[in-house]
Amino acid sequence: MLDDIIKGITNFFFDMLMGSTKSFLDMITELFQKSVDTVQTNVSETPTEFSQTIVDNLRIISDTAILPVAGLILTYVFCYELYQLVVEKNRGGDFETGQLMFLIIKTSAMILLLTNAFDITLAVFDLGKWITNHVPASALKIPDSIKENIVGSIEEGDVGSAMSMWFVSGIALVITFVMSGIIYLVAWSRIVTIMLYISVAPLPFATFLNRDWIGSIGQSYVKNLLALMLQGYFMLVCLVVYAGLLEKASSLITTEGTGLYGLMLMIVSMAILVVTLTRTHTLAKSVVGAM
């Protein structure tokens, strides 16, 4: 009789702990999956798809506040180039009309480029969308087997293992909340940075006419623009690697047979994803040589 009571109490606590553990694991996977889905959706969106209203407002601001200043800079650069052209040719003694015409043609092309700078920068992220859309969707699928393998690794009636798993999964849930917040921060800060870059597009474009001191501003702007575009691709690659790490962790749980080990691998995989996502912009800048 006493053994039946003890067994009943043991089964009660075991079922309660296992139910709580399953709930924790469900919340962990659901929360992190939503974060991953946010990244996947965010990097595949152009600024126009993200918010047409924001882009329209930025276009108005760019045309009314930035474009006139860019026109002044272009005028200054043209005068500087003209002065250099005259001074370099024996103070006008060996002046060639053809070079002046070439400078006028270059300036005309720059005016055309300047007035379309906003649309050109938007087109850069259209190219980025084309790149991310060609990443196979199957490579981004996160396996569901790891949760079942973690729960299935606990022996029936083993209250000690169930309690350990419940405690560790509770800690893992708190860690997941923090890491999910960081993922949202990376994803949304990227799109905000893109909007800021787009809004000032005419300003660095106005410096392209000069190849010496001021021309580096436009070159640096284009490099950073390309880095933001490539960052979306690198973020998707991080998700592909994360899916592979979870699949590897799931197979190791089956091999080792310990759920705590599998849960640790799951948290480590999440941490690796978060760390690499925060470094994608730096990596993209190093690829294009941006400062």
C-alpha atoms as a PDB file:
ATOM      1  CA  MET A   1       0.000   0.000   0.000  1.00  0.00           C
ATOM      2  CA  LEU A   2       2.788   2.397   0.970  1.00  0.00           C
ATOM      3  CA  ASP A   3       4.713   1.523  -2.192  1.00  0.00           C
ATOM      4  CA  ASP A   4       1.678   2.385  -4.307  1.00  0.00           C
ATOM      5  CA  ILE A   5       1.348   5.772  -2.579  1.00  0.00           C
ATOM      6  CA  ILE A   6       5.049   6.537  -3.089  1.00  0.00           C
ATOM      7  CA  LYS A   7       4.830   5.425  -6.705  1.00  0.00           C
ATOM      8  CA  GLY A   8       1.752   7.593  -7.251  1.00  0.00           C
ATOM      9  CA  ILE A   9       3.474  10.639  -5.743  1.00  0.00           C
ATOM     10  CA  THR A  10       6.579   9.943  -7.834  1.00  0.00           C
ATOM     11  CA  ASN A  11       4.540   9.654 -11.020  1.00  0.00           C
ATOM     12  CA  PHE A  12       2.659  12.848 -10.135  1.00  0.00           C
ATOM     13  CA  PHE A  13       5.861  14.859  -9.716  1.00  0.00           C
ATOM     14  CA  PHE A  14       7.400  13.240 -12.790  1.00  0.00           C
ATOM     15  CA  ASP A  15       4.401  14.077 -14.974  1.00  0.00           C
ATOM     16  CA  MET A  16       4.279  17.615 -13.569  1.00  0.00           C
ATOM     17  CA  LEU A  17       7.989  18.207 -14.227  1.00  0.00           C
ATOM     18  CA  MET A  18       7.804  16.686 -17.700  1.00  0.00           C
ATOM     19  CA  GLY A  19       4.773  18.802 -18.552  1.00  0.00           C
ATOM     20  CA  SER A  20       6.557  21.952 -17.406  1.00  0.00           C
ATOM     21  CA  THR A  21       9.699  20.970 -19.307  1.00  0.00           C
ATOM     22  CA  LYS A  22       7.718  20.400 -22.496  1.00  0.00           C
ATOM     23  CA  SER A  23       6.052  23.801 -22.051  1.00  0.00           C
ATOM     24  CA  PHE A  24       9.440  25.461 -21.576  1.00  0.00           C
ATOM     25  CA  LEU A  25      10.852  23.737 -24.663  1.00  0.00           C
ATOM     26  CA  ASP A  26       7.761  24.685 -26.677  1.00  0.00           C
ATOM     27  CA  MET A  27       8.153  28.326 -25.649  1.00  0.00           C
ATOM     28  CA  ILE A  28      11.889  28.237 -26.414  1.00  0.00           C
ATOM     29  CA  THR A  29      11.445  26.825 -29.903  1.00  0.00           C
ATOM     30  CA  GLU A  30       8.416  29.015 -30.684  1.00  0.00           C
ATOM     31  CA  LEU A  31      10.083  32.211 -29.462  1.00  0.00           C
ATOM     32  CA  PHE A  32      13.327  31.563 -31.274  1.00  0.00           C
ATOM     33  CA  GLN A  33      11.549  30.392 -34.423  1.00  0.00           C
ATOM     34  CA  LYS A  34       9.611  33.669 -34.539  1.00  0.00           C
ATOM     35  CA  SER A  35      12.879  35.574 -34.184  1.00  0.00           C
ATOM     36  CA  VAL A  36      14.440  33.563 -37.001  1.00  0.00           C
ATOM     37  CA  ASP A  37      11.356  34.104 -39.175  1.00  0.00           C
ATOM     38  CA  THR A  38      11.642  37.844 -38.516  1.00  0.00           C
ATOM     39  CA  VAL A  39      15.245  37.832 -39.737  1.00  0.00           C
ATOM     40  CA  GLN A  40      14.335  35.752 -42.784  1.00  0.00           C
ATOM     41  CA  THR A  41      11.484  38.110 -43.697  1.00  0.00           C
ATOM     42  CA  ASN A  42      13.422  41.278 -42.876  1.00  0.00           C
ATOM     43  CA  VAL A  43      16.433  40.554 -45.087  1.00  0.00           C
ATOM     44  CA  SER A  44      14.189  39.665 -48.020  1.00  0.00           C
ATOM     45  CA  GLU A  45      12.353  42.998 -47.902  1.00  0.00           C
ATOM     46  CA  THR A  46      13.357  46.083 -49.815  1.00  0.00           C
ATOM     47  CA  PRO A  47      12.872  49.453 -48.069  1.00  0.00           C
ATOM     48  CA  THR A  48       9.792  50.052 -50.236  1.00  0.00           C
ATOM     49  CA  GLU A  49       8.278  46.707 -49.220  1.00  0.00           C
ATOM     50  CA  PHE A  50       9.091  47.381 -45.573  1.00  0.00           C
ATOM     51  CA  SER A  51       7.188  50.689 -45.551  1.00  0.00           C
ATOM     52  CA  GLN A  52       6.154  52.682 -48.612  1.00  0.00           C
ATOM     53  CA  THR A  53       5.105  55.565 -46.343  1.00  0.00           C
ATOM     54  CA  ILE A  54       8.558  55.864 -44.776  1.00  0.00           C
ATOM     55  CA  VAL A  55      10.259  55.757 -48.181  1.00  0.00           C
ATOM     56  CA  ASP A  56       7.927  58.446 -49.561  1.00  0.00           C
ATOM     57  CA  ASN A  57       8.614  60.693 -46.572  1.00  0.00           C
ATOM     58  CA  LEU A  58      12.360  60.135 -46.900  1.00  0.00           C
ATOM     59  CA  ARG A  59      12.159  60.983 -50.602  1.00  0.00           C
ATOM     60  CA  ILE A  60      10.481  64.309 -49.781  1.00  0.00           C
ATOM     61  CA  ILE A  61      13.080  65.076 -47.111  1.00  0.00           C
ATOM     62  CA  SER A  62      15.913  64.129 -49.454  1.00  0.00           C
ATOM     63  CA  ASP A  63      14.585  66.297 -52.292  1.00  0.00           C
ATOM     64  CA  THR A  64      13.893  69.348 -50.129  1.00  0.00           C
ATOM     65  CA  ALA A  65      16.730  69.265 -47.580  1.00  0.00           C
ATOM     66  CA  ILE A  66      19.615  67.180 -48.967  1.00  0.00           C
ATOM     67  CA  LEU A  67      19.455  67.703 -52.743  1.00  0.00           C
ATOM     68  CA  PRO A  68      20.017  71.514 -52.631  1.00  0.00           C
ATOM     69  CA  VAL A  69      23.086  71.017 -50.422  1.00  0.00           C
ATOM     70  CA  ALA A  70      24.328  68.316 -52.776  1.00  0.00           C
ATOM     71  CA  GLY A  71      23.902  70.764 -55.666  1.00  0.00           C
ATOM     72  CA  LEU A  72      26.079  73.305 -53.846  1.00  0.00           C
ATOM     73  CA  ILE A  73      28.747  70.665 -53.241  1.00  0.00           C
ATOM     74  CA  LEU A  74      28.661  69.644 -56.897  1.00  0.00           C
ATOM     75  CA  THR A  75      29.046  73.298 -57.937  1.00  0.00           C
ATOM     76  CA  TYR A  76      32.014  73.692 -55.613  1.00  0.00           C
ATOM     77  CA  VAL A  77      33.634  70.504 -56.927  1.00  0.00           C
ATOM     78  CA  PHE A  78      33.090  71.668 -60.522  1.00  0.00           C
ATOM     79  CA  CYS A  79      34.765  75.017 -59.773  1.00  0.00           C
ATOM     80  CA  TYR A  80      37.637  73.220 -58.065  1.00  0.00           C
ATOM     81  CA  GLU A  81      38.104  70.860 -61.017  1.00  0.00           C
ATOM     82  CA  LEU A  82      37.982  73.803 -63.433  1.00  0.00           C
ATOM     83  CA  TYR A  83      40.592  75.663 -61.384  1.00  0.00           C
ATOM     84  CA  GLN A  84      42.839  72.598 -61.323  1.00  0.00           C
ATOM     85  CA  LEU A  85      42.426  72.211 -65.078  1.00  0.00           C
ATOM     86  CA  VAL A  86      43.551  75.787 -65.710  1.00  0.00           C
ATOM     87  CA  VAL A  87      46.423  75.799 -63.210  1.00  0.00           C
ATOM     88  CA  GLU A  88      47.875  72.469 -64.369  1.00  0.00           C
ATOM     89  CA  LYS A  89      48.138  73.730 -67.971  1.00  0.00           C
ATOM     90  CA  ASN A  90      50.689  76.513 -67.422  1.00  0.00           C
ATOM     91  CA  ARG A  91      48.055  78.840 -65.943  1.00  0.00           C
ATOM     92  CA  GLY A  92      45.911  78.651 -69.022  1.00  0.00           C
ATOM     93  CA  GLY A  93      48.755  78.963 -71.534  1.00  0.00           C
ATOM     94  CA  ASP A  94      48.355  75.369 -72.737  1.00  0.00           C
ATOM     95  CA  PHE A  95      44.622  75.171 -72.116  1.00  0.00           C
ATOM     96  CA  GLU A  96      42.762  72.604 -74.242  1.00  0.00           C
ATOM     97  CA  THR A  97      39.111  73.105 -75.123  1.00  0.00           C
ATOM     98  CA  GLY A  98      38.558  69.345 -75.329  1.00  0.00           C
ATOM     99  CA  GLN A  99      39.334  68.895 -71.643  1.00  0.00           C
ATOM    100  CA  LEU A 100      36.860  71.621 -70.736  1.00  0.00           C
ATOM    101  CA  MET A 101      34.177  69.910 -72.818  1.00  0.00           C
ATOM    102  CA  PHE A 102      34.992  66.611 -71.103  1.00  0.00           C
ATOM    103  CA  LEU A 103      34.594  68.266 -67.693  1.00  0.00           C
ATOM    104  CA  ILE A 104      31.238  69.751 -68.737  1.00  0.00           C
ATOM    105  CA  ILE A 105      30.057  66.341 -69.956  1.00  0.00           C
ATOM    106  CA  LYS A 106      31.166  64.725 -66.685  1.00  0.00           C
ATOM    107  CA  THR A 107      29.357  67.387 -64.685  1.00  0.00           C
ATOM    108  CA  SER A 108      26.188  66.914 -66.750  1.00  0.00           C
ATOM    109  CA  ALA A 109      26.350  63.187 -66.086  1.00  0.00           C
ATOM    110  CA  MET A 110      26.832  63.877 -62.379  1.00  0.00           C
ATOM    111  CA  ILE A 111      23.764  66.147 -62.327  1.00  0.00           C
ATOM    112  CA  LEU A 112      21.726  63.336 -63.864  1.00  0.00           C
ATOM    113  CA  LEU A 113      23.178  60.899 -61.329  1.00  0.00           C
ATOM    114  CA  LEU A 114      22.501  63.303 -58.485  1.00  0.00           C
ATOM    115  CA  THR A 115      18.831  63.802 -59.306  1.00  0.00           C
ATOM    116  CA  ASN A 116      18.331  60.024 -59.416  1.00  0.00           C
ATOM    117  CA  ALA A 117      20.516  59.175 -56.403  1.00  0.00           C
ATOM    118  CA  PHE A 118      17.544  58.173 -54.240  1.00  0.00           C
ATOM    119  CA  ASP A 119      16.257  55.678 -56.815  1.00  0.00           C
ATOM    120  CA  ILE A 120      19.759  54.305 -57.420  1.00  0.00           C
ATOM    121  CA  THR A 121      20.241  53.514 -53.738  1.00  0.00           C
ATOM    122  CA  LEU A 122      16.849  51.794 -53.641  1.00  0.00           C
ATOM    123  CA  ALA A 123      17.912  49.711 -56.646  1.00  0.00           C
ATOM    124  CA  VAL A 124      20.921  48.444 -54.676  1.00  0.00           C
ATOM    125  CA  PHE A 125      18.576  46.773 -52.200  1.00  0.00           C
ATOM    126  CA  ASP A 126      16.438  45.412 -55.029  1.00  0.00           C
ATOM    127  CA  LEU A 127      19.620  43.590 -56.061  1.00  0.00           C
ATOM    128  CA  GLY A 128      20.021  42.408 -52.464  1.00  0.00           C
ATOM    129  CA  LYS A 129      16.465  41.028 -52.529  1.00  0.00           C
ATOM    130  CA  TRP A 130      17.263  39.141 -55.743  1.00  0.00           C
ATOM    131  CA  ILE A 131      20.289  37.556 -54.045  1.00  0.00           C
ATOM    132  CA  THR A 132      18.400  36.495 -50.905  1.00  0.00           C
ATOM    133  CA  ASN A 133      15.472  35.134 -52.920  1.00  0.00           C
ATOM    134  CA  HIS A 134      17.857  32.699 -54.613  1.00  0.00           C
ATOM    135  CA  VAL A 135      18.816  31.102 -51.285  1.00  0.00           C
ATOM    136  CA  PRO A 136      16.910  27.753 -51.247  1.00  0.00           C
ATOM    137  CA  ALA A 137      14.064  27.752 -48.722  1.00  0.00           C
ATOM    138  CA  SER A 138      14.810  24.113 -47.841  1.00  0.00           C
ATOM    139  CA  ALA A 139      18.219  25.166 -46.485  1.00  0.00           C
ATOM    140  CA  LEU A 140      16.491  27.446 -43.947  1.00  0.00           C
ATOM    141  CA  LYS A 141      14.201  24.777 -42.492  1.00  0.00           C
ATOM    142  CA  ILE A 142      14.882  24.235 -38.792  1.00  0.00           C
ATOM    143  CA  PRO A 143      14.464  20.585 -37.647  1.00  0.00           C
ATOM    144  CA  ASP A 144      11.720  19.797 -35.112  1.00  0.00           C
ATOM    145  CA  SER A 145      13.255  16.524 -33.923  1.00  0.00           C
ATOM    146  CA  ILE A 146      15.557  18.076 -31.316  1.00  0.00           C
ATOM    147  CA  LYS A 147      12.713  18.846 -28.881  1.00  0.00           C
ATOM    148  CA  GLU A 148      11.308  15.315 -29.106  1.00  0.00           C
ATOM    149  CA  ASN A 149      14.782  13.834 -28.663  1.00  0.00           C
ATOM    150  CA  ILE A 150      15.422  15.934 -25.538  1.00  0.00           C
ATOM    151  CA  VAL A 151      12.136  14.890 -23.913  1.00  0.00           C
ATOM    152  CA  GLY A 152      12.482  11.282 -25.044  1.00  0.00           C
ATOM    153  CA  SER A 153      15.934  10.959 -23.492  1.00  0.00           C
ATOM    154  CA  ILE A 154      14.467  11.096 -19.947  1.00  0.00           C
ATOM    155  CA  GLU A 155      13.619   7.683 -18.545  1.00  0.00           C
ATOM    156  CA  GLU A 156      10.066   7.123 -17.375  1.00  0.00           C
ATOM    157  CA  GLY A 157       9.719   7.794 -13.644  1.00  0.00           C
ATOM    158  CA  ASP A 158      13.192   9.329 -13.220  1.00  0.00           C
ATOM    159  CA  VAL A 159      12.220  12.337 -11.107  1.00  0.00           C
ATOM    160  CA  GLY A 160      15.825  13.466 -10.603  1.00  0.00           C
ATOM    161  CA  SER A 161      16.538  13.721 -14.327  1.00  0.00           C
ATOM    162  CA  ALA A 162      13.161  15.356 -14.923  1.00  0.00           C
ATOM    163  CA  MET A 163      13.842  17.960 -12.232  1.00  0.00           C
ATOM    164  CA  SER A 164      17.310  18.694 -13.645  1.00  0.00           C
ATOM    165  CA  MET A 165      15.856  19.056 -17.128  1.00  0.00           C
ATOM    166  CA  TRP A 166      13.072  21.313 -15.825  1.00  0.00           C
ATOM    167  CA  PHE A 167      15.571  23.585 -14.050  1.00  0.00           C
ATOM    168  CA  VAL A 168      17.958  23.810 -17.011  1.00  0.00           C
ATOM    169  CA  SER A 169      15.136  24.376 -19.516  1.00  0.00           C
ATOM    170  CA  GLY A 170      13.823  27.224 -17.327  1.00  0.00           C
ATOM    171  CA  ILE A 171      17.235  28.889 -17.431  1.00  0.00           C
ATOM    172  CA  ALA A 172      17.376  28.242 -21.177  1.00  0.00           C
ATOM    173  CA  LEU A 173      14.025  30.014 -21.602  1.00  0.00           C
ATOM    174  CA  VAL A 174      15.376  33.156 -19.910  1.00  0.00           C
ATOM    175  CA  ILE A 175      18.500  33.026 -22.096  1.00  0.00           C
ATOM    176  CA  THR A 176      16.305  32.600 -25.172  1.00  0.00           C
ATOM    177  CA  PHE A 177      14.327  35.747 -24.289  1.00  0.00           C
ATOM    178  CA  VAL A 178      17.566  37.734 -24.163  1.00  0.00           C
ATOM    179  CA  MET A 179      18.928  36.265 -27.400  1.00  0.00           C
ATOM    180  CA  SER A 180      15.631  36.799 -29.226  1.00  0.00           C
ATOM    181  CA  GLY A 181      15.716  40.450 -28.190  1.00  0.00           C
ATOM    182  CA  ILE A 182      19.225  40.766 -29.631  1.00  0.00           C
ATOM    183  CA  ILE A 183      18.074  39.155 -32.894  1.00  0.00           C
ATOM    184  CA  TYR A 184      15.206  41.639 -33.207  1.00  0.00           C
ATOM    185  CA  LEU A 185      17.645  44.448 -32.423  1.00  0.00           C
ATOM    186  CA  VAL A 186      20.012  43.372 -35.218  1.00  0.00           C
ATOM    187  CA  ALA A 187      17.213  42.888 -37.758  1.00  0.00           C
ATOM    188  CA  TRP A 188      15.450  46.189 -37.074  1.00  0.00           C
ATOM    189  CA  SER A 189      18.610  48.261 -36.644  1.00  0.00           C
ATOM    190  CA  ARG A 190      19.731  47.143 -40.105  1.00  0.00           C
ATOM    191  CA  ILE A 191      16.561  48.416 -41.779  1.00  0.00           C
ATOM    192  CA  VAL A 192      16.777  51.703 -39.829  1.00  0.00           C
ATOM    193  CA  THR A 193      20.401  52.117 -40.958  1.00  0.00           C
ATOM    194  CA  ILE A 194      19.331  51.469 -44.553  1.00  0.00           C
ATOM    195  CA  MET A 195      16.679  54.191 -44.294  1.00  0.00           C
ATOM    196  CA  LEU A 196      19.246  56.650 -42.934  1.00  0.00           C
ATOM    197  CA  TYR A 197      21.664  55.876 -45.756  1.00  0.00           C
ATOM    198  CA  ILE A 198      18.950  56.308 -48.377  1.00  0.00           C
ATOM    199  CA  SER A 199      17.848  59.674 -46.998  1.00  0.00           C
ATOM    200  CA  VAL A 200      21.273  61.309 -47.587  1.00  0.00           C
ATOM    201  CA  ALA A 201      22.016  59.640 -50.946  1.00  0.00           C
ATOM    202  CA  PRO A 202      22.447  62.855 -53.037  1.00  0.00           C
ATOM    203  CA  LEU A 203      25.109  64.227 -50.677  1.00  0.00           C
ATOM    204  CA  PRO A 204      27.870  61.627 -51.243  1.00  0.00           C
ATOM    205  CA  PHE A 205      26.871  61.246 -54.896  1.00  0.00           C
ATOM    206  CA  ALA A 206      27.804  64.907 -55.402  1.00  0.00           C
ATOM    207  CA  THR A 207      31.449  64.126 -54.586  1.00  0.00           C
ATOM    208  CA  PHE A 208      31.996  61.568 -57.359  1.00  0.00           C
ATOM    209  CA  LEU A 209      33.203  64.269 -59.769  1.00  0.00           C
ATOM    210  CA  ASN A 210      36.429  64.684 -57.807  1.00  0.00           C
ATOM    211  CA  ARG A 211      38.859  61.769 -57.652  1.00  0.00           C
ATOM    212  CA  ASP A 212      41.201  63.197 -55.022  1.00  0.00           C
ATOM    213  CA  TRP A 213      40.313  64.446 -51.545  1.00  0.00           C
ATOM    214  CA  ILE A 214      36.521  64.774 -51.540  1.00  0.00           C
ATOM    215  CA  GLY A 215      35.818  61.851 -53.887  1.00  0.00           C
ATOM    216  CA  SER A 216      36.567  59.365 -51.090  1.00  0.00           C
ATOM    217  CA  ILE A 217      33.285  60.385 -49.405  1.00  0.00           C
ATOM    218  CA  GLY A 218      31.217  58.993 -52.257  1.00  0.00           C
ATOM    219  CA  GLN A 219      33.383  55.875 -52.547  1.00  0.00           C
ATOM    220  CA  SER A 220      33.035  55.173 -48.827  1.00  0.00           C
ATOM    221  CA  TYR A 221      29.259  55.685 -49.053  1.00  0.00           C
ATOM    222  CA  VAL A 222      28.891  53.201 -51.910  1.00  0.00           C
ATOM    223  CA  LYS A 223      31.028  50.622 -50.086  1.00  0.00           C
ATOM    224  CA  ASN A 224      28.925  50.914 -46.937  1.00  0.00           C
ATOM    225  CA  LEU A 225      25.759  50.712 -49.042  1.00  0.00           C
ATOM    226  CA  LEU A 226      26.996  47.458 -50.587  1.00  0.00           C
ATOM    227  CA  ALA A 227      27.919  46.225 -47.105  1.00  0.00           C
ATOM    228  CA  LEU A 228      24.334  46.752 -45.916  1.00  0.00           C
ATOM    229  CA  MET A 229      23.095  44.856 -48.951  1.00  0.00           C
ATOM    230  CA  LEU A 230      25.490  41.939 -48.322  1.00  0.00           C
ATOM    231  CA  GLN A 231      24.618  41.902 -44.624  1.00  0.00           C
ATOM    232  CA  GLY A 232      21.184  40.530 -45.494  1.00  0.00           C
ATOM    233  CA  TYR A 233      22.788  37.677 -47.427  1.00  0.00           C
ATOM    234  CA  PHE A 234      25.185  36.883 -44.575  1.00  0.00           C
ATOM    235  CA  MET A 235      22.282  36.871 -42.106  1.00  0.00           C
ATOM    236  CA  LEU A 236      20.532  34.227 -44.218  1.00  0.00           C
ATOM    237  CA  VAL A 237      23.753  32.198 -44.351  1.00  0.00           C
ATOM    238  CA  CYS A 238      23.821  32.350 -40.530  1.00  0.00           C
ATOM    239  CA  LEU A 239      20.316  30.842 -40.480  1.00  0.00           C
ATOM    240  CA  VAL A 240      21.441  28.063 -42.830  1.00  0.00           C
ATOM    241  CA  VAL A 241      24.371  27.265 -40.521  1.00  0.00           C
ATOM    242  CA  TYR A 242      22.072  27.403 -37.472  1.00  0.00           C
ATOM    243  CA  ALA A 243      19.692  24.878 -39.030  1.00  0.00           C
ATOM    244  CA  GLY A 244      22.671  22.604 -39.701  1.00  0.00           C
ATOM    245  CA  LEU A 245      23.896  22.945 -36.103  1.00  0.00           C
ATOM    246  CA  LEU A 246      20.468  21.989 -34.732  1.00  0.00           C
ATOM    247  CA  GLU A 247      20.326  18.968 -37.011  1.00  0.00           C
ATOM    248  CA  LYS A 248      23.785  17.941 -35.784  1.00  0.00           C
ATOM    249  CA  ALA A 249      22.710  18.469 -32.160  1.00  0.00           C
ATOM    250  CA  SER A 250      19.625  16.307 -32.714  1.00  0.00           C
ATOM    251  CA  SER A 251      21.734  13.443 -34.048  1.00  0.00           C
ATOM    252  CA  LEU A 252      24.162  13.766 -31.110  1.00  0.00           C
ATOM    253  CA  ILE A 253      21.271  13.489 -28.638  1.00  0.00           C
ATOM    254  CA  THR A 254      20.273  10.227 -30.287  1.00  0.00           C
ATOM    255  CA  THR A 255      23.875   9.009 -30.096  1.00  0.00           C
ATOM    256  CA  GLU A 256      24.701  10.183 -26.561  1.00  0.00           C
ATOM    257  CA  GLY A 257      21.230   9.609 -25.149  1.00  0.00           C
ATOM    258  CA  THR A 258      21.341  12.538 -22.708  1.00  0.00           C
ATOM    259  CA  GLY A 259      18.790  15.341 -22.894  1.00  0.00           C
ATOM    260  CA  LEU A 260      20.846  17.807 -20.848  1.00  0.00           C
ATOM    261  CA  TYR A 261      23.669  17.472 -23.341  1.00  0.00           C
ATOM    262  CA  GLY A 262      21.240  18.086 -26.187  1.00  0.00           C
ATOM    263  CA  LEU A 263      19.716  21.117 -24.472  1.00  0.00           C
ATOM    264  CA  MET A 264      23.200  22.526 -23.942  1.00  0.00           C
ATOM    265  CA  LEU A 265      23.955  22.048 -27.651  1.00  0.00           C
ATOM    266  CA  MET A 266      20.659  23.754 -28.505  1.00  0.00           C
ATOM    267  CA  ILE A 267      21.531  26.807 -26.384  1.00  0.00           C
ATOM    268  CA  VAL A 268      25.076  26.904 -27.765  1.00  0.00           C
ATOM    269  CA  SER A 269      23.693  26.818 -31.323  1.00  0.00           C
ATOM    270  CA  MET A 270      21.381  29.732 -30.502  1.00  0.00           C
ATOM    271  CA  ALA A 271      24.252  31.678 -28.950  1.00  0.00           C
ATOM    272  CA  ILE A 272      26.432  31.080 -32.019  1.00  0.00           C
ATOM    273  CA  LEU A 273      23.630  32.370 -34.247  1.00  0.00           C
ATOM    274  CA  VAL A 274      23.174  35.523 -32.145  1.00  0.00           C
ATOM    275  CA  VAL A 275      26.911  36.280 -32.034  1.00  0.00           C
ATOM    276  CA  THR A 276      27.383  35.767 -35.767  1.00  0.00           C
ATOM    277  CA  LEU A 277      24.306  37.867 -36.587  1.00  0.00           C
ATOM    278  CA  THR A 278      25.761  40.777 -34.618  1.00  0.00           C
ATOM    279  CA  ARG A 279      28.984  40.470 -36.631  1.00  0.00           C
ATOM    280  CA  THR A 280      27.449  40.223 -40.100  1.00  0.00           C
ATOM    281  CA  HIS A 281      27.699  43.971 -40.758  1.00  0.00           C
ATOM    282  CA  THR A 282      31.394  44.013 -39.822  1.00  0.00           C
ATOM    283  CA  LEU A 283      32.001  40.990 -42.049  1.00  0.00           C
ATOM    284  CA  ALA A 284      30.139  42.584 -44.968  1.00  0.00           C
ATOM    285  CA  LYS A 285      32.155  45.800 -44.575  1.00  0.00           C
ATOM    286  CA  SER A 286      35.411  43.844 -44.628  1.00  0.00           C
ATOM    287  CA  VAL A 287      34.369  42.071 -47.847  1.00  0.00           C
ATOM    288  CA  VAL A 288      33.738  45.324 -49.741  1.00  0.00           C
ATOM    289  CA  GLY A 289      36.634  47.154 -48.089  1.00  0.00           C
ATOM    290  CA  ALA A 290      34.470  49.693 -46.258  1.00  0.00           C
ATOM    291  CA  MET A 291      35.792  51.567 -43.255  1.00  0.00           C
END
